[in-house]
Amino acid sequence: MASVDRATIPAAIVAIGLALGGLAVGSGFARARAADRYVTVKGVAEREVKANLAIWPLKVVGADNDLTTANKKVAANVEGVRQFLGRHGLDTNQVQLSDFSVTDALASEYSPERQPTNRYVVKQTMLVRSNQPDRVLAASQQVSELAAIGVVISSGGNGETGGGPTFVFSGLNQLKPAMIADATARAREAAAQFARDSDTELAGIRQANQGVFEILARDQAPGISEESQIAKTVRVVSTIDYYLR
């Protein structure tokens, strides 16, 4: 009888070990399945902001058959633009001159057969940079005043200046903490609603993605760019995974 007991002891130990192992494996699967229970939600935060910087490049032109005269015309036009800006309350001390160029029509590889009326075309870019975007916008809407006093400005296009002011919002870093908090709160509200609808409860965060901040035109319509508007919308979308239990 004792020999039988000794023989059955190892078998009993193996059986117990298998049983415990089975419980552990089962528990492991349960944990794994619980870990797979999560919901992915998005939270959106938006703020309407106003540009605090305006950049307005103006390309002034002077043309004549005599180079000295063409250059004098440009100088006179530059002074005319300064007076125009001053009348609209803008600080002309912040105006920078750049991109001075002279074009000789007869020096071109494809020069005209006849003597051009204006052989020389002189261009000078005036860069208006102001922290008073409202005044820059008002001035840009009255730019026809320059033509009335004989100031010639190129129309821009093809990457050239003269296409109107660019309005910039530079206060994004001050908005980020509050907007991230708002986006996270909106995401948690969506996750909580999902948990209620599915008869579960929220646990901790599995994974979070802050998202990219975007500065958009407030009035989004075809042909309206963000850079041309003083009023803008800052937007961020956060993506968060919440565990469910």
Protein backbone atom coordinates (compact mmCIF):
# COMPACT_ATOMS: atom_id res chain seq x y z
CA MET A 1 0.00 0.00 0.00
CA ALA A 2 2.84 2.33 0.88
CA SER A 3 4.49 1.65 -2.47
CA VAL A 4 1.30 2.68 -4.22
CA ASP A 5 1.27 5.95 -2.26
CA ARG A 6 4.87 6.63 -3.23
CA ALA A 7 4.01 6.05 -6.89
CA THR A 8 1.01 8.31 -6.86
CA ILE A 9 2.73 11.23 -5.15
CA PRO A 10 4.71 12.37 -8.25
CA ALA A 11 1.61 12.04 -10.42
CA ALA A 12 -0.37 14.11 -7.95
CA ILE A 13 2.33 16.78 -7.94
CA VAL A 14 2.30 16.90 -11.75
CA ALA A 15 -1.50 17.15 -11.78
CA ILE A 16 -1.46 19.98 -9.26
CA GLY A 17 1.22 21.76 -11.26
CA LEU A 18 -0.79 21.44 -14.44
CA ALA A 19 -3.87 22.72 -12.69
CA LEU A 20 -2.04 25.72 -11.29
CA GLY A 21 -0.41 26.33 -14.65
CA GLY A 22 -3.79 26.23 -16.30
CA LEU A 23 -5.12 28.76 -13.84
CA ALA A 24 -2.15 31.02 -14.47
CA VAL A 25 -2.53 30.75 -18.21
CA GLY A 26 -6.24 31.43 -17.94
CA SER A 27 -5.58 34.41 -15.74
CA GLY A 28 -3.01 35.62 -18.24
CA PHE A 29 -5.53 35.46 -21.05
CA ALA A 30 -8.02 37.32 -18.90
CA ARG A 31 -5.49 40.06 -18.26
CA ALA A 32 -4.61 40.19 -21.92
CA ARG A 33 -8.24 40.51 -22.92
CA ALA A 34 -8.77 43.22 -20.32
CA ALA A 35 -5.76 45.09 -21.66
CA ASP A 36 -7.31 45.02 -25.13
CA ARG A 37 -10.45 46.75 -23.90
CA TYR A 38 -9.98 50.42 -24.71
CA VAL A 39 -11.66 53.18 -26.67
CA THR A 40 -10.01 55.79 -28.89
CA VAL A 41 -11.51 59.28 -28.74
CA LYS A 42 -10.66 62.74 -30.05
CA GLY A 43 -10.95 66.06 -28.28
CA VAL A 44 -11.08 69.37 -30.15
CA ALA A 45 -10.19 72.81 -28.78
CA GLU A 46 -10.49 76.07 -30.72
CA ARG A 47 -9.74 79.72 -30.01
CA GLU A 48 -10.48 82.80 -32.09
CA VAL A 49 -7.45 85.08 -32.11
CA LYS A 50 -6.33 88.30 -33.75
CA ALA A 51 -3.09 88.87 -35.63
CA ASN A 52 -0.56 90.98 -33.77
CA LEU A 53 1.88 91.57 -36.64
CA ALA A 54 1.48 92.81 -40.20
CA ILE A 55 4.04 92.50 -42.99
CA TRP A 56 3.37 94.44 -46.18
CA PRO A 57 5.90 94.41 -49.01
CA LEU A 58 5.49 97.17 -51.62
CA LYS A 59 7.53 97.19 -54.82
CA VAL A 60 8.01 100.74 -56.05
CA VAL A 61 8.81 101.26 -59.74
CA GLY A 62 10.47 104.01 -61.74
CA ALA A 63 10.96 103.80 -65.52
CA ASP A 64 12.66 106.10 -68.01
CA ASN A 65 14.95 106.06 -71.02
CA ASP A 66 17.57 107.70 -68.84
CA LEU A 67 18.92 105.72 -65.87
CA THR A 68 19.46 108.74 -63.64
CA THR A 69 15.93 109.95 -64.24
CA ALA A 70 14.49 106.47 -63.59
CA ASN A 71 16.37 106.31 -60.30
CA LYS A 72 15.06 109.75 -59.28
CA LYS A 73 11.52 108.59 -60.01
CA VAL A 74 11.98 105.62 -57.68
CA ALA A 75 13.35 107.87 -54.94
CA ALA A 76 10.36 110.20 -55.34
CA ASN A 77 7.95 107.25 -55.24
CA VAL A 78 9.59 105.88 -52.09
CA GLU A 79 9.08 109.24 -50.41
CA GLY A 80 5.47 109.30 -51.62
CA VAL A 81 4.85 105.89 -50.03
CA ARG A 82 6.40 107.07 -46.75
CA GLN A 83 4.05 110.05 -46.66
CA PHE A 84 1.08 107.80 -47.47
CA LEU A 85 1.96 105.46 -44.61
CA GLY A 86 2.42 108.38 -42.24
CA ARG A 87 -1.04 109.75 -43.10
CA HIS A 88 -2.50 106.39 -42.08
CA GLY A 89 -0.78 106.45 -38.69
CA LEU A 90 2.02 103.98 -39.44
CA ASP A 91 5.57 104.39 -38.15
CA THR A 92 7.74 104.90 -41.22
CA ASN A 93 10.89 104.30 -39.17
CA GLN A 94 10.06 100.58 -39.33
CA VAL A 95 10.01 100.56 -43.14
CA GLN A 96 12.95 98.65 -44.62
CA LEU A 97 14.32 99.07 -48.15
CA SER A 98 15.49 95.94 -49.98
CA ASP A 99 15.74 94.19 -53.35
CA PHE A 100 16.92 97.17 -55.40
CA SER A 101 17.15 96.21 -59.07
CA VAL A 102 17.71 97.80 -62.48
CA THR A 103 16.58 96.29 -65.77
CA ASP A 104 18.06 97.46 -69.08
CA ALA A 105 15.76 96.53 -71.95
CA LEU A 106 18.60 96.80 -74.48
CA ALA A 107 20.86 94.50 -72.48
CA SER A 108 18.40 91.64 -72.71
CA GLU A 109 19.17 88.68 -74.98
CA TYR A 110 15.80 89.28 -76.59
CA SER A 111 16.01 93.08 -76.77
CA PRO A 112 13.40 94.84 -78.93
CA GLU A 113 14.26 95.91 -82.45
CA ARG A 114 13.07 99.46 -81.79
CA GLN A 115 14.33 101.79 -79.08
CA PRO A 116 12.01 101.27 -76.05
CA THR A 117 10.21 104.24 -74.57
CA ASN A 118 11.59 103.34 -71.15
CA ARG A 119 14.90 101.60 -71.51
CA TYR A 120 15.54 101.39 -67.77
CA VAL A 121 13.15 100.02 -65.16
CA VAL A 122 14.25 100.54 -61.55
CA LYS A 123 12.51 98.67 -58.70
CA GLN A 124 12.82 99.07 -54.95
CA THR A 125 10.99 96.97 -52.36
CA MET A 126 9.69 98.71 -49.26
CA LEU A 127 8.92 96.27 -46.44
CA VAL A 128 6.37 97.59 -43.97
CA ARG A 129 6.49 95.72 -40.66
CA SER A 130 4.05 96.84 -37.98
CA ASN A 131 2.49 95.64 -34.72
CA GLN A 132 -0.62 97.64 -35.65
CA PRO A 133 -2.28 95.31 -38.16
CA ASP A 134 -5.58 97.22 -38.11
CA ARG A 135 -3.86 100.32 -39.44
CA VAL A 136 -1.98 98.34 -42.07
CA LEU A 137 -5.25 96.81 -43.25
CA ALA A 138 -6.90 100.22 -43.44
CA ALA A 139 -3.96 101.62 -45.43
CA SER A 140 -3.94 98.67 -47.84
CA GLN A 141 -7.60 99.35 -48.65
CA GLN A 142 -6.71 102.93 -49.65
CA VAL A 143 -3.68 102.11 -51.77
CA SER A 144 -5.30 103.81 -54.78
CA GLU A 145 -4.29 107.10 -53.13
CA LEU A 146 -0.75 106.39 -54.30
CA ALA A 147 -1.79 106.33 -57.95
CA ALA A 148 -3.56 109.66 -57.42
CA ILE A 149 -0.25 111.29 -56.48
CA GLY A 150 1.70 109.57 -59.27
CA VAL A 151 3.34 106.80 -57.23
CA VAL A 152 3.79 103.63 -59.28
CA ILE A 153 3.69 100.26 -57.46
CA SER A 154 3.96 96.91 -59.18
CA SER A 155 0.90 94.67 -58.96
CA GLY A 156 2.83 91.62 -57.75
CA GLY A 157 1.88 88.09 -58.79
CA ASN A 158 4.14 85.20 -59.74
CA GLY A 159 5.71 85.30 -56.31
CA GLU A 160 6.41 89.04 -56.44
CA THR A 161 5.51 91.45 -53.68
CA GLY A 162 2.56 93.81 -53.86
CA GLY A 163 -0.20 91.28 -53.30
CA GLY A 164 -1.38 92.80 -50.01
CA PRO A 165 -0.35 92.52 -46.36
CA THR A 166 0.34 89.28 -44.51
CA PHE A 167 -1.11 89.08 -41.00
CA VAL A 168 0.70 86.95 -38.43
CA PHE A 169 -0.35 85.66 -35.00
CA SER A 170 2.70 85.00 -32.84
CA GLY A 171 1.08 84.19 -29.47
CA LEU A 172 0.57 80.45 -29.99
CA ASN A 173 2.84 79.33 -27.13
CA GLN A 174 0.74 81.24 -24.60
CA LEU A 175 -2.41 79.42 -25.73
CA LYS A 176 -1.05 75.88 -25.84
CA PRO A 177 -1.41 74.79 -22.15
CA ALA A 178 -5.06 75.86 -21.81
CA MET A 179 -6.02 74.49 -25.22
CA ILE A 180 -4.41 71.10 -24.54
CA ALA A 181 -6.31 70.94 -21.24
CA ASP A 182 -9.58 71.74 -23.05
CA ALA A 183 -8.95 69.15 -25.76
CA THR A 184 -8.16 66.51 -23.14
CA ALA A 185 -11.35 67.34 -21.23
CA ARG A 186 -13.42 67.04 -24.42
CA ALA A 187 -11.81 63.69 -25.17
CA ARG A 188 -12.57 62.36 -21.69
CA GLU A 189 -16.20 63.48 -22.01
CA ALA A 190 -16.50 61.51 -25.24
CA ALA A 191 -14.85 58.44 -23.67
CA ALA A 192 -17.12 58.64 -20.60
CA GLN A 193 -20.19 58.79 -22.82
CA PHE A 194 -18.99 55.72 -24.72
CA ALA A 195 -18.39 53.88 -21.43
CA ARG A 196 -21.92 54.68 -20.24
CA ASP A 197 -23.42 53.54 -23.53
CA SER A 198 -21.48 50.27 -23.41
CA ASP A 199 -22.15 49.64 -19.69
CA THR A 200 -18.47 49.83 -18.75
CA GLU A 201 -16.24 52.17 -16.76
CA LEU A 202 -13.21 54.24 -17.73
CA ALA A 203 -9.82 53.29 -16.36
CA GLY A 204 -6.50 55.00 -17.03
CA ILE A 205 -5.05 56.42 -20.23
CA ARG A 206 -3.50 53.83 -22.51
CA GLN A 207 -1.95 56.27 -24.99
CA ALA A 208 -2.23 59.97 -25.78
CA ASN A 209 -1.34 62.09 -28.79
CA GLN A 210 -1.40 65.85 -28.26
CA GLY A 211 -1.99 66.62 -31.94
CA VAL A 212 -0.74 69.46 -34.15
CA PHE A 213 -1.77 73.06 -33.62
CA GLU A 214 -3.21 74.73 -36.72
CA ILE A 215 -3.77 78.42 -37.42
CA LEU A 216 -6.67 78.72 -39.85
CA ALA A 217 -8.61 81.52 -41.47
CA ARG A 218 -11.59 82.40 -39.30
CA ASP A 219 -13.76 82.78 -42.39
CA GLN A 220 -12.94 79.73 -44.44
CA ALA A 221 -14.12 80.13 -48.01
CA PRO A 222 -12.62 79.54 -51.47
CA GLY A 223 -10.00 82.14 -52.30
CA ILE A 224 -9.55 83.34 -48.71
CA SER A 225 -6.18 82.53 -47.17
CA GLU A 226 -5.27 82.53 -43.50
CA GLU A 227 -2.43 85.02 -44.12
CA SER A 228 -4.80 87.64 -45.53
CA GLN A 229 -7.09 87.72 -42.47
CA ILE A 230 -6.52 89.52 -39.20
CA ALA A 231 -9.03 87.26 -37.41
CA LYS A 232 -7.90 83.63 -37.22
CA THR A 233 -8.86 80.35 -35.57
CA VAL A 234 -6.34 78.28 -33.62
CA ARG A 235 -7.28 74.59 -33.52
CA VAL A 236 -5.85 71.43 -31.96
CA VAL A 237 -7.18 67.86 -32.00
CA SER A 238 -5.93 65.47 -29.29
CA THR A 239 -6.29 61.70 -29.69
CA ILE A 240 -6.44 59.61 -26.49
CA ASP A 241 -6.92 55.90 -25.79
CA TYR A 242 -8.76 55.09 -22.51
CA TYR A 243 -8.84 51.64 -20.94
CA LEU A 244 -12.28 50.18 -20.17
CA ARG A 245 -13.11 47.88 -17.29
